[in-house]
Amino acid sequence: MRGFDVVVIGGSAAGVSAALTCRRHYSEKSVLLVRKENHAVIPCGIPYIFGSVGSPEKNLIPDSMLDKKY
Protein backbone atom coordinates (compact mmCIF):
# COMPACT_ATOMS: atom_id res chain seq x y z
CA MET A 1 0.00 0.00 0.00
CA ARG A 2 1.36 3.40 -0.98
CA GLY A 3 1.57 6.08 1.70
CA PHE A 4 0.81 9.78 1.32
CA ASP A 5 1.99 12.74 3.35
CA VAL A 6 -1.37 14.52 3.14
CA VAL A 7 -4.84 13.03 2.59
CA VAL A 8 -7.74 15.37 1.82
CA ILE A 9 -11.19 13.85 2.28
CA GLY A 10 -13.84 15.52 0.14
CA GLY A 11 -13.36 16.82 -3.36
CA SER A 12 -15.80 19.66 -3.67
CA ALA A 13 -14.59 23.26 -3.76
CA ALA A 14 -13.03 23.27 -0.26
CA GLY A 15 -11.27 19.93 -0.73
CA VAL A 16 -9.79 20.92 -4.07
CA SER A 17 -8.65 24.25 -2.63
CA ALA A 18 -7.04 22.48 0.34
CA ALA A 19 -5.19 20.02 -1.91
CA LEU A 20 -3.99 22.76 -4.27
CA THR A 21 -2.86 24.96 -1.38
CA CYS A 22 -0.96 22.09 0.20
CA ARG A 23 0.73 21.25 -3.07
CA ARG A 24 1.61 24.90 -3.69
CA HIS A 25 3.21 25.41 -0.26
CA TYR A 26 4.68 21.93 0.26
CA SER A 27 5.62 20.77 -3.22
CA GLU A 28 7.80 17.96 -1.87
CA LYS A 29 4.82 16.30 -0.13
CA SER A 30 2.56 13.73 -1.78
CA VAL A 31 -1.14 14.64 -1.70
CA LEU A 32 -4.10 12.30 -2.10
CA LEU A 33 -7.55 13.77 -2.77
CA VAL A 34 -10.40 11.35 -1.99
CA ARG A 35 -13.77 12.34 -3.40
CA LYS A 36 -17.02 10.85 -4.52
CA GLU A 37 -17.84 13.76 -6.84
CA ASN A 38 -16.89 13.41 -10.49
CA HIS A 39 -16.26 17.15 -10.79
CA ALA A 40 -15.87 20.10 -8.43
CA VAL A 41 -17.89 23.26 -8.99
CA ILE A 42 -16.17 26.63 -8.63
CA PRO A 43 -17.38 27.99 -5.27
CA CYS A 44 -18.30 31.49 -6.43
CA GLY A 45 -22.03 32.16 -6.74
CA ILE A 46 -21.73 35.47 -8.60
CA PRO A 47 -21.93 33.95 -12.12
CA TYR A 48 -25.18 32.22 -11.11
CA ILE A 49 -26.68 35.42 -9.70
CA PHE A 50 -26.02 37.36 -12.89
CA GLY A 51 -26.92 34.43 -15.13
CA SER A 52 -23.63 34.50 -17.01
CA VAL A 53 -22.90 30.78 -16.52
CA GLY A 54 -26.18 29.23 -17.57
CA SER A 55 -25.56 25.88 -15.90
CA PRO A 56 -23.21 24.41 -13.28
CA GLU A 57 -21.59 22.20 -15.93
CA LYS A 58 -19.96 25.32 -17.39
CA ASN A 59 -18.48 26.32 -14.02
CA LEU A 60 -16.31 23.30 -13.13
CA ILE A 61 -12.80 23.13 -11.72
CA PRO A 62 -10.83 21.08 -14.27
CA ASP A 63 -9.05 17.99 -12.95
CA SER A 64 -5.96 19.08 -14.85
CA MET A 65 -5.36 21.64 -12.08
CA LEU A 66 -4.75 18.77 -9.68
CA ASP A 67 -2.06 17.27 -11.93
CA LYS A 68 0.04 20.44 -12.21
CA LYS A 69 3.32 20.70 -10.35
CA TYR A 70 3.91 23.95 -8.49
PDB file of N, CA and C in Angstrom:
ATOM      1  N   MET A   1       0.838  -1.171   0.000  1.00  0.00           N
ATOM      2  CA  MET A   1       0.000   0.000   0.000  1.00  0.00           C
ATOM      3  C   MET A   1       0.889   1.243   0.000  1.00  0.00           C
ATOM      4  N   ARG A   2       0.580   2.174  -0.863  1.00  0.00           N
ATOM      5  CA  ARG A   2       1.357   3.402  -0.983  1.00  0.00           C
ATOM      6  C   ARG A   2       0.919   4.396   0.085  1.00  0.00           C
ATOM      7  N   GLY A   3       1.870   5.076   0.695  1.00  0.00           N
ATOM      8  CA  GLY A   3       1.573   6.082   1.702  1.00  0.00           C
ATOM      9  C   GLY A   3       1.586   7.482   1.106  1.00  0.00           C
ATOM     10  N   PHE A   4       0.868   8.379   1.738  1.00  0.00           N
ATOM     11  CA  PHE A   4       0.814   9.776   1.315  1.00  0.00           C
ATOM     12  C   PHE A   4       1.106  10.650   2.515  1.00  0.00           C
ATOM     13  N   ASP A   5       1.701  11.791   2.269  1.00  0.00           N
ATOM     14  CA  ASP A   5       1.986  12.740   3.345  1.00  0.00           C
ATOM     15  C   ASP A   5       0.722  13.463   3.799  1.00  0.00           C
ATOM     16  N   VAL A   6      -0.140  13.788   2.847  1.00  0.00           N
ATOM     17  CA  VAL A   6      -1.372  14.520   3.141  1.00  0.00           C
ATOM     18  C   VAL A   6      -2.525  13.827   2.436  1.00  0.00           C
ATOM     19  N   VAL A   7      -3.619  13.600   3.175  1.00  0.00           N
ATOM     20  CA  VAL A   7      -4.835  13.030   2.594  1.00  0.00           C
ATOM     21  C   VAL A   7      -5.959  14.023   2.828  1.00  0.00           C
ATOM     22  N   VAL A   8      -6.610  14.454   1.749  1.00  0.00           N
ATOM     23  CA  VAL A   8      -7.740  15.373   1.822  1.00  0.00           C
ATOM     24  C   VAL A   8      -8.996  14.564   1.522  1.00  0.00           C
ATOM     25  N   ILE A   9      -9.937  14.569   2.458  1.00  0.00           N
ATOM     26  CA  ILE A   9     -11.194  13.849   2.282  1.00  0.00           C
ATOM     27  C   ILE A   9     -12.250  14.854   1.846  1.00  0.00           C
ATOM     28  N   GLY A  10     -12.817  14.635   0.685  1.00  0.00           N
ATOM     29  CA  GLY A  10     -13.843  15.525   0.142  1.00  0.00           C
ATOM     30  C   GLY A  10     -13.289  16.326  -1.015  1.00  0.00           C
ATOM     31  N   GLY A  11     -13.898  16.197  -2.164  1.00  0.00           N
ATOM     32  CA  GLY A  11     -13.355  16.824  -3.356  1.00  0.00           C
ATOM     33  C   GLY A  11     -14.221  17.907  -3.942  1.00  0.00           C
ATOM     34  N   SER A  12     -15.073  18.522  -3.131  1.00  0.00           N
ATOM     35  CA  SER A  12     -15.803  19.663  -3.670  1.00  0.00           C
ATOM     36  C   SER A  12     -14.885  20.872  -3.601  1.00  0.00           C
ATOM     37  N   ALA A  13     -15.416  22.057  -3.647  1.00  0.00           N
ATOM     38  CA  ALA A  13     -14.590  23.259  -3.762  1.00  0.00           C
ATOM     39  C   ALA A  13     -13.571  23.382  -2.634  1.00  0.00           C
ATOM     40  N   ALA A  14     -13.951  23.126  -1.392  1.00  0.00           N
ATOM     41  CA  ALA A  14     -13.028  23.271  -0.262  1.00  0.00           C
ATOM     42  C   ALA A  14     -11.926  22.219  -0.310  1.00  0.00           C
ATOM     43  N   GLY A  15     -12.264  20.993  -0.656  1.00  0.00           N
ATOM     44  CA  GLY A  15     -11.268  19.931  -0.732  1.00  0.00           C
ATOM     45  C   GLY A  15     -10.240  20.184  -1.819  1.00  0.00           C
ATOM     46  N   VAL A  16     -10.705  20.609  -2.968  1.00  0.00           N
ATOM     47  CA  VAL A  16      -9.787  20.917  -4.073  1.00  0.00           C
ATOM     48  C   VAL A  16      -8.886  22.087  -3.690  1.00  0.00           C
ATOM     49  N   SER A  17      -9.461  23.106  -3.060  1.00  0.00           N
ATOM     50  CA  SER A  17      -8.651  24.253  -2.627  1.00  0.00           C
ATOM     51  C   SER A  17      -7.606  23.836  -1.603  1.00  0.00           C
ATOM     52  N   ALA A  18      -7.979  22.959  -0.671  1.00  0.00           N
ATOM     53  CA  ALA A  18      -7.036  22.482   0.338  1.00  0.00           C
ATOM     54  C   ALA A  18      -5.895  21.698  -0.307  1.00  0.00           C
ATOM     55  N   ALA A  19      -6.218  20.818  -1.236  1.00  0.00           N
ATOM     56  CA  ALA A  19      -5.191  20.018  -1.908  1.00  0.00           C
ATOM     57  C   ALA A  19      -4.257  20.900  -2.736  1.00  0.00           C
ATOM     58  N   LEU A  20      -4.810  21.861  -3.454  1.00  0.00           N
ATOM     59  CA  LEU A  20      -3.991  22.757  -4.266  1.00  0.00           C
ATOM     60  C   LEU A  20      -3.101  23.643  -3.400  1.00  0.00           C
ATOM     61  N   THR A  21      -3.640  24.131  -2.287  1.00  0.00           N
ATOM     62  CA  THR A  21      -2.859  24.963  -1.380  1.00  0.00           C
ATOM     63  C   THR A  21      -1.717  24.172  -0.759  1.00  0.00           C
ATOM     64  N   CYS A  22      -1.999  22.950  -0.358  1.00  0.00           N
ATOM     65  CA  CYS A  22      -0.959  22.090   0.205  1.00  0.00           C
ATOM     66  C   CYS A  22       0.136  21.833  -0.823  1.00  0.00           C
ATOM     67  N   ARG A  23      -0.251  21.528  -2.027  1.00  0.00           N
ATOM     68  CA  ARG A  23       0.732  21.246  -3.075  1.00  0.00           C
ATOM     69  C   ARG A  23       1.554  22.488  -3.406  1.00  0.00           C
ATOM     70  N   ARG A  24       0.913  23.658  -3.367  1.00  0.00           N
ATOM     71  CA  ARG A  24       1.607  24.901  -3.691  1.00  0.00           C
ATOM     72  C   ARG A  24       2.649  25.248  -2.619  1.00  0.00           C
ATOM     73  N   HIS A  25       2.319  25.019  -1.350  1.00  0.00           N
ATOM     74  CA  HIS A  25       3.213  25.408  -0.260  1.00  0.00           C
ATOM     75  C   HIS A  25       4.190  24.308   0.154  1.00  0.00           C
ATOM     76  N   TYR A  26       3.838  23.062  -0.115  1.00  0.00           N
ATOM     77  CA  TYR A  26       4.683  21.928   0.262  1.00  0.00           C
ATOM     78  C   TYR A  26       4.842  21.007  -0.943  1.00  0.00           C
ATOM     79  N   SER A  27       5.526  21.490  -1.944  1.00  0.00           N
ATOM     80  CA  SER A  27       5.622  20.770  -3.217  1.00  0.00           C
ATOM     81  C   SER A  27       6.315  19.422  -3.089  1.00  0.00           C
ATOM     82  N   GLU A  28       7.107  19.233  -2.042  1.00  0.00           N
ATOM     83  CA  GLU A  28       7.805  17.956  -1.871  1.00  0.00           C
ATOM     84  C   GLU A  28       6.911  16.875  -1.250  1.00  0.00           C
ATOM     85  N   LYS A  29       5.732  17.249  -0.766  1.00  0.00           N
ATOM     86  CA  LYS A  29       4.819  16.298  -0.128  1.00  0.00           C
ATOM     87  C   LYS A  29       3.896  15.661  -1.158  1.00  0.00           C
ATOM     88  N   SER A  30       3.529  14.399  -0.906  1.00  0.00           N
ATOM     89  CA  SER A  30       2.561  13.734  -1.782  1.00  0.00           C
ATOM     90  C   SER A  30       1.169  13.960  -1.216  1.00  0.00           C
ATOM     91  N   VAL A  31       0.225  14.289  -2.102  1.00  0.00           N
ATOM     92  CA  VAL A  31      -1.137  14.640  -1.696  1.00  0.00           C
ATOM     93  C   VAL A  31      -2.118  13.698  -2.372  1.00  0.00           C
ATOM     94  N   LEU A  32      -3.037  13.149  -1.577  1.00  0.00           N
ATOM     95  CA  LEU A  32      -4.102  12.298  -2.098  1.00  0.00           C
ATOM     96  C   LEU A  32      -5.422  12.998  -1.839  1.00  0.00           C
ATOM     97  N   LEU A  33      -6.225  13.177  -2.881  1.00  0.00           N
ATOM     98  CA  LEU A  33      -7.553  13.766  -2.769  1.00  0.00           C
ATOM     99  C   LEU A  33      -8.578  12.657  -2.968  1.00  0.00           C
ATOM    100  N   VAL A  34      -9.367  12.392  -1.938  1.00  0.00           N
ATOM    101  CA  VAL A  34     -10.396  11.351  -1.986  1.00  0.00           C
ATOM    102  C   VAL A  34     -11.740  12.045  -2.124  1.00  0.00           C
ATOM    103  N   ARG A  35     -12.463  11.698  -3.182  1.00  0.00           N
ATOM    104  CA  ARG A  35     -13.765  12.340  -3.395  1.00  0.00           C
ATOM    105  C   ARG A  35     -14.728  11.389  -4.072  1.00  0.00           C
ATOM    106  N   LYS A  36     -16.004  11.632  -3.846  1.00  0.00           N
ATOM    107  CA  LYS A  36     -17.025  10.851  -4.521  1.00  0.00           C
ATOM    108  C   LYS A  36     -17.584  11.617  -5.727  1.00  0.00           C
ATOM    109  N   GLU A  37     -17.352  12.941  -5.739  1.00  0.00           N
ATOM    110  CA  GLU A  37     -17.837  13.764  -6.843  1.00  0.00           C
ATOM    111  C   GLU A  37     -16.992  13.516  -8.085  1.00  0.00           C
ATOM    112  N   ASN A  38     -17.635  13.532  -9.232  1.00  0.00           N
ATOM    113  CA  ASN A  38     -16.887  13.414 -10.489  1.00  0.00           C
ATOM    114  C   ASN A  38     -16.187  14.717 -10.845  1.00  0.00           C
ATOM    115  N   HIS A  39     -16.809  15.833 -10.475  1.00  0.00           N
ATOM    116  CA  HIS A  39     -16.265  17.149 -10.789  1.00  0.00           C
ATOM    117  C   HIS A  39     -16.524  18.079  -9.613  1.00  0.00           C
ATOM    118  N   ALA A  40     -15.690  19.086  -9.462  1.00  0.00           N
ATOM    119  CA  ALA A  40     -15.873  20.099  -8.427  1.00  0.00           C
ATOM    120  C   ALA A  40     -16.335  21.392  -9.075  1.00  0.00           C
ATOM    121  N   VAL A  41     -17.348  22.003  -8.481  1.00  0.00           N
ATOM    122  CA  VAL A  41     -17.885  23.256  -8.991  1.00  0.00           C
ATOM    123  C   VAL A  41     -17.115  24.414  -8.362  1.00  0.00           C
ATOM    124  N   ILE A  42     -16.825  25.438  -9.146  1.00  0.00           N
ATOM    125  CA  ILE A  42     -16.165  26.632  -8.631  1.00  0.00           C
ATOM    126  C   ILE A  42     -17.079  27.250  -7.573  1.00  0.00           C
ATOM    127  N   PRO A  43     -16.535  27.604  -6.398  1.00  0.00           N
ATOM    128  CA  PRO A  43     -17.376  27.992  -5.272  1.00  0.00           C
ATOM    129  C   PRO A  43     -18.008  29.378  -5.344  1.00  0.00           C
ATOM    130  N   CYS A  44     -17.758  30.138  -6.351  1.00  0.00           N
ATOM    131  CA  CYS A  44     -18.295  31.490  -6.431  1.00  0.00           C
ATOM    132  C   CYS A  44     -19.716  31.474  -6.993  1.00  0.00           C
ATOM    133  N   GLY A  45     -20.643  32.117  -6.298  1.00  0.00           N
ATOM    134  CA  GLY A  45     -22.033  32.156  -6.736  1.00  0.00           C
ATOM    135  C   GLY A  45     -22.369  33.325  -7.642  1.00  0.00           C
ATOM    136  N   ILE A  46     -21.446  34.269  -7.810  1.00  0.00           N
ATOM    137  CA  ILE A  46     -21.729  35.471  -8.595  1.00  0.00           C
ATOM    138  C   ILE A  46     -22.150  35.153 -10.034  1.00  0.00           C
ATOM    139  N   PRO A  47     -21.472  34.229 -10.751  1.00  0.00           N
ATOM    140  CA  PRO A  47     -21.927  33.950 -12.119  1.00  0.00           C
ATOM    141  C   PRO A  47     -23.366  33.427 -12.180  1.00  0.00           C
ATOM    142  N   TYR A  48     -23.798  32.723 -11.132  1.00  0.00           N
ATOM    143  CA  TYR A  48     -25.176  32.219 -11.110  1.00  0.00           C
ATOM    144  C   TYR A  48     -26.172  33.354 -10.874  1.00  0.00           C
ATOM    145  N   ILE A  49     -25.799  34.291 -10.016  1.00  0.00           N
ATOM    146  CA  ILE A  49     -26.682  35.417  -9.699  1.00  0.00           C
ATOM    147  C   ILE A  49     -26.934  36.265 -10.940  1.00  0.00           C
ATOM    148  N   PHE A  50     -25.877  36.521 -11.697  1.00  0.00           N
ATOM    149  CA  PHE A  50     -26.016  37.360 -12.886  1.00  0.00           C
ATOM    150  C   PHE A  50     -26.396  36.569 -14.133  1.00  0.00           C
ATOM    151  N   GLY A  51     -26.492  35.265 -14.004  1.00  0.00           N
ATOM    152  CA  GLY A  51     -26.918  34.435 -15.130  1.00  0.00           C
ATOM    153  C   GLY A  51     -25.899  34.306 -16.235  1.00  0.00           C
ATOM    154  N   SER A  52     -24.639  34.554 -15.951  1.00  0.00           N
ATOM    155  CA  SER A  52     -23.629  34.497 -17.010  1.00  0.00           C
ATOM    156  C   SER A  52     -23.096  33.087 -17.247  1.00  0.00           C
ATOM    157  N   VAL A  53     -23.398  32.143 -16.356  1.00  0.00           N
ATOM    158  CA  VAL A  53     -22.903  30.783 -16.523  1.00  0.00           C
ATOM    159  C   VAL A  53     -23.904  29.935 -17.278  1.00  0.00           C
ATOM    160  N   GLY A  54     -25.160  30.025 -16.909  1.00  0.00           N
ATOM    161  CA  GLY A  54     -26.184  29.230 -17.573  1.00  0.00           C
ATOM    162  C   GLY A  54     -26.436  27.915 -16.869  1.00  0.00           C
ATOM    163  N   SER A  55     -25.393  27.154 -16.595  1.00  0.00           N
ATOM    164  CA  SER A  55     -25.560  25.880 -15.898  1.00  0.00           C
ATOM    165  C   SER A  55     -24.284  25.557 -15.127  1.00  0.00           C
ATOM    166  N   PRO A  56     -24.397  24.763 -14.066  1.00  0.00           N
ATOM    167  CA  PRO A  56     -23.206  24.413 -13.277  1.00  0.00           C
ATOM    168  C   PRO A  56     -22.142  23.657 -14.073  1.00  0.00           C
ATOM    169  N   GLU A  57     -22.541  22.956 -15.129  1.00  0.00           N
ATOM    170  CA  GLU A  57     -21.587  22.202 -15.930  1.00  0.00           C
ATOM    171  C   GLU A  57     -20.566  23.101 -16.612  1.00  0.00           C
ATOM    172  N   LYS A  58     -20.887  24.383 -16.763  1.00  0.00           N
ATOM    173  CA  LYS A  58     -19.963  25.325 -17.392  1.00  0.00           C
ATOM    174  C   LYS A  58     -19.072  26.018 -16.362  1.00  0.00           C
ATOM    175  N   ASN A  59     -19.211  25.655 -15.093  1.00  0.00           N
ATOM    176  CA  ASN A  59     -18.480  26.319 -14.019  1.00  0.00           C
ATOM    177  C   ASN A  59     -17.737  25.287 -13.170  1.00  0.00           C
ATOM    178  N   LEU A  60     -17.000  24.388 -13.817  1.00  0.00           N
ATOM    179  CA  LEU A  60     -16.311  23.300 -13.130  1.00  0.00           C
ATOM    180  C   LEU A  60     -14.818  23.577 -12.994  1.00  0.00           C
ATOM    181  N   ILE A  61     -14.242  23.079 -11.898  1.00  0.00           N
ATOM    182  CA  ILE A  61     -12.797  23.130 -11.718  1.00  0.00           C
ATOM    183  C   ILE A  61     -12.223  21.952 -12.502  1.00  0.00           C
ATOM    184  N   PRO A  62     -11.363  22.194 -13.475  1.00  0.00           N
ATOM    185  CA  PRO A  62     -10.827  21.083 -14.266  1.00  0.00           C
ATOM    186  C   PRO A  62      -9.869  20.213 -13.448  1.00  0.00           C
ATOM    187  N   ASP A  63      -9.935  18.908 -13.649  1.00  0.00           N
ATOM    188  CA  ASP A  63      -9.048  17.989 -12.946  1.00  0.00           C
ATOM    189  C   ASP A  63      -7.588  18.218 -13.304  1.00  0.00           C
ATOM    190  N   SER A  64      -7.336  18.824 -14.442  1.00  0.00           N
ATOM    191  CA  SER A  64      -5.955  19.075 -14.853  1.00  0.00           C
ATOM    192  C   SER A  64      -5.232  19.984 -13.850  1.00  0.00           C
ATOM    193  N   MET A  65      -5.969  20.799 -13.106  1.00  0.00           N
ATOM    194  CA  MET A  65      -5.360  21.639 -12.081  1.00  0.00           C
ATOM    195  C   MET A  65      -4.712  20.796 -10.990  1.00  0.00           C
ATOM    196  N   LEU A  66      -5.273  19.629 -10.731  1.00  0.00           N
ATOM    197  CA  LEU A  66      -4.748  18.769  -9.684  1.00  0.00           C
ATOM    198  C   LEU A  66      -3.466  18.068 -10.114  1.00  0.00           C
ATOM    199  N   ASP A  67      -3.246  17.959 -11.409  1.00  0.00           N
ATOM    200  CA  ASP A  67      -2.063  17.273 -11.928  1.00  0.00           C
ATOM    201  C   ASP A  67      -0.855  18.194 -12.052  1.00  0.00           C
ATOM    202  N   LYS A  68      -1.048  19.502 -12.017  1.00  0.00           N
ATOM    203  CA  LYS A  68       0.044  20.440 -12.213  1.00  0.00           C
ATOM    204  C   LYS A  68       1.024  20.398 -11.048  1.00  0.00           C
ATOM    205  N   LYS A  69       2.268  20.604 -11.362  1.00  0.00           N
ATOM    206  CA  LYS A  69       3.316  20.699 -10.353  1.00  0.00           C
ATOM    207  C   LYS A  69       3.591  22.163 -10.086  1.00  0.00           C
ATOM    208  N   TYR A  70       3.649  22.549  -8.840  1.00  0.00           N
ATOM    209  CA  TYR A  70       3.906  23.946  -8.486  1.00  0.00           C
ATOM    210  C   TYR A  70       5.321  24.098  -8.017  1.00  0.00           C
TER     211      TYR A  70
END
